[in-house]
């Protein structure tokens, strides 16, 4: 997921995407705690994707405020 794809989405879609990423991060943390996590790099990518979504949401909010 890259920022250009995210900028094309509406704020509601971005909020849904963020909630899905947070749920996935939660599930990955549980898998890691129980020793079931196979792809540890996925945790990093999910966190970064969530940060990208938050950044784009903040950009859209700032643009709307102007």
C-alpha atoms as a PDB file:
ATOM      1  CA  UNK A   1       0.000   0.000   0.000  1.00  0.00           C
ATOM      2  CA  UNK A   2       1.457   3.337  -0.989  1.00  0.00           C
ATOM      3  CA  UNK A   3       0.449   6.892  -0.216  1.00  0.00           C
ATOM      4  CA  UNK A   4      -0.816   7.653  -3.720  1.00  0.00           C
ATOM      5  CA  UNK A   5      -3.405   4.880  -3.434  1.00  0.00           C
ATOM      6  CA  UNK A   6      -4.456   6.207  -0.038  1.00  0.00           C
ATOM      7  CA  UNK A   7      -4.834   9.784  -1.242  1.00  0.00           C
ATOM      8  CA  UNK A   8      -7.447   8.619  -3.754  1.00  0.00           C
ATOM      9  CA  UNK A   9      -9.677   7.259  -0.973  1.00  0.00           C
ATOM     10  CA  UNK A  10     -12.257   9.179   1.018  1.00  0.00           C
ATOM     11  CA  UNK A  11     -11.732   9.885   4.734  1.00  0.00           C
ATOM     12  CA  UNK A  12     -14.393   7.293   5.628  1.00  0.00           C
ATOM     13  CA  UNK A  13     -12.586   4.648   3.600  1.00  0.00           C
ATOM     14  CA  UNK A  14      -9.318   5.617   5.275  1.00  0.00           C
ATOM     15  CA  UNK A  15     -10.866   5.279   8.736  1.00  0.00           C
ATOM     16  CA  UNK A  16     -12.150   1.816   7.824  1.00  0.00           C
ATOM     17  CA  UNK A  17      -8.708   0.879   6.524  1.00  0.00           C
ATOM     18  CA  UNK A  18      -7.113   2.137   9.736  1.00  0.00           C
ATOM     19  CA  UNK A  19      -9.459   0.107  11.912  1.00  0.00           C
ATOM     20  CA  UNK A  20      -8.730  -3.006   9.836  1.00  0.00           C
ATOM     21  CA  UNK A  21      -4.996  -2.441  10.195  1.00  0.00           C
ATOM     22  CA  UNK A  22      -5.320  -1.983  13.948  1.00  0.00           C
ATOM     23  CA  UNK A  23      -7.260  -5.249  14.219  1.00  0.00           C
ATOM     24  CA  UNK A  24      -4.628  -7.025  12.168  1.00  0.00           C
ATOM     25  CA  UNK A  25      -1.831  -5.611  14.338  1.00  0.00           C
ATOM     26  CA  UNK A  26      -3.693  -6.799  17.432  1.00  0.00           C
ATOM     27  CA  UNK A  27      -4.033 -10.303  16.006  1.00  0.00           C
ATOM     28  CA  UNK A  28      -0.376 -10.368  14.995  1.00  0.00           C
ATOM     29  CA  UNK A  29       0.682  -9.400  18.532  1.00  0.00           C
ATOM     30  CA  UNK A  30      -1.349 -12.282  19.910  1.00  0.00           C
ATOM     31  CA  UNK A  31       0.166 -14.685  17.413  1.00  0.00           C
ATOM     32  CA  UNK A  32       3.630 -13.541  18.404  1.00  0.00           C
ATOM     33  CA  UNK A  33       2.878 -13.940  22.107  1.00  0.00           C
ATOM     34  CA  UNK A  34       1.649 -17.498  21.596  1.00  0.00           C
ATOM     35  CA  UNK A  35       4.501 -18.422  19.260  1.00  0.00           C
ATOM     36  CA  UNK A  36       2.286 -18.895  16.203  1.00  0.00           C
ATOM     37  CA  UNK A  37       3.578 -15.952  14.164  1.00  0.00           C
ATOM     38  CA  UNK A  38       5.485 -17.137  11.105  1.00  0.00           C
ATOM     39  CA  UNK A  39       6.028 -13.896   9.182  1.00  0.00           C
ATOM     40  CA  UNK A  40       7.448 -11.423  11.678  1.00  0.00           C
ATOM     41  CA  UNK A  41       8.046  -8.803   8.971  1.00  0.00           C
ATOM     42  CA  UNK A  42       4.278  -8.470   8.575  1.00  0.00           C
ATOM     43  CA  UNK A  43       4.073  -6.698  11.960  1.00  0.00           C
ATOM     44  CA  UNK A  44       6.391  -3.970  10.737  1.00  0.00           C
ATOM     45  CA  UNK A  45       4.553  -3.481   7.466  1.00  0.00           C
ATOM     46  CA  UNK A  46       1.162  -3.277   9.212  1.00  0.00           C
ATOM     47  CA  UNK A  47       2.462  -0.611  11.598  1.00  0.00           C
ATOM     48  CA  UNK A  48       3.906   1.385   8.723  1.00  0.00           C
ATOM     49  CA  UNK A  49       0.697   1.093   6.712  1.00  0.00           C
ATOM     50  CA  UNK A  50      -1.279   2.363   9.690  1.00  0.00           C
ATOM     51  CA  UNK A  51       1.098   5.311   9.995  1.00  0.00           C
ATOM     52  CA  UNK A  52       0.644   6.074   6.286  1.00  0.00           C
ATOM     53  CA  UNK A  53      -3.130   6.051   6.674  1.00  0.00           C
ATOM     54  CA  UNK A  54      -2.923   8.392   9.661  1.00  0.00           C
ATOM     55  CA  UNK A  55      -0.636  10.736   7.744  1.00  0.00           C
ATOM     56  CA  UNK A  56      -2.995  10.930   4.773  1.00  0.00           C
ATOM     57  CA  UNK A  57      -5.967  11.490   7.087  1.00  0.00           C
ATOM     58  CA  UNK A  58      -4.142  14.375   8.752  1.00  0.00           C
ATOM     59  CA  UNK A  59      -3.248  15.834   5.344  1.00  0.00           C
ATOM     60  CA  UNK A  60      -6.883  15.683   4.260  1.00  0.00           C
ATOM     61  CA  UNK A  61      -8.043  17.265   7.530  1.00  0.00           C
ATOM     62  CA  UNK A  62      -5.530  20.092   7.142  1.00  0.00           C
ATOM     63  CA  UNK A  63      -6.590  20.673   3.538  1.00  0.00           C
ATOM     64  CA  UNK A  64     -10.247  20.778   4.575  1.00  0.00           C
ATOM     65  CA  UNK A  65      -9.507  23.278   7.336  1.00  0.00           C
ATOM     66  CA  UNK A  66      -7.989  25.757   4.892  1.00  0.00           C
END
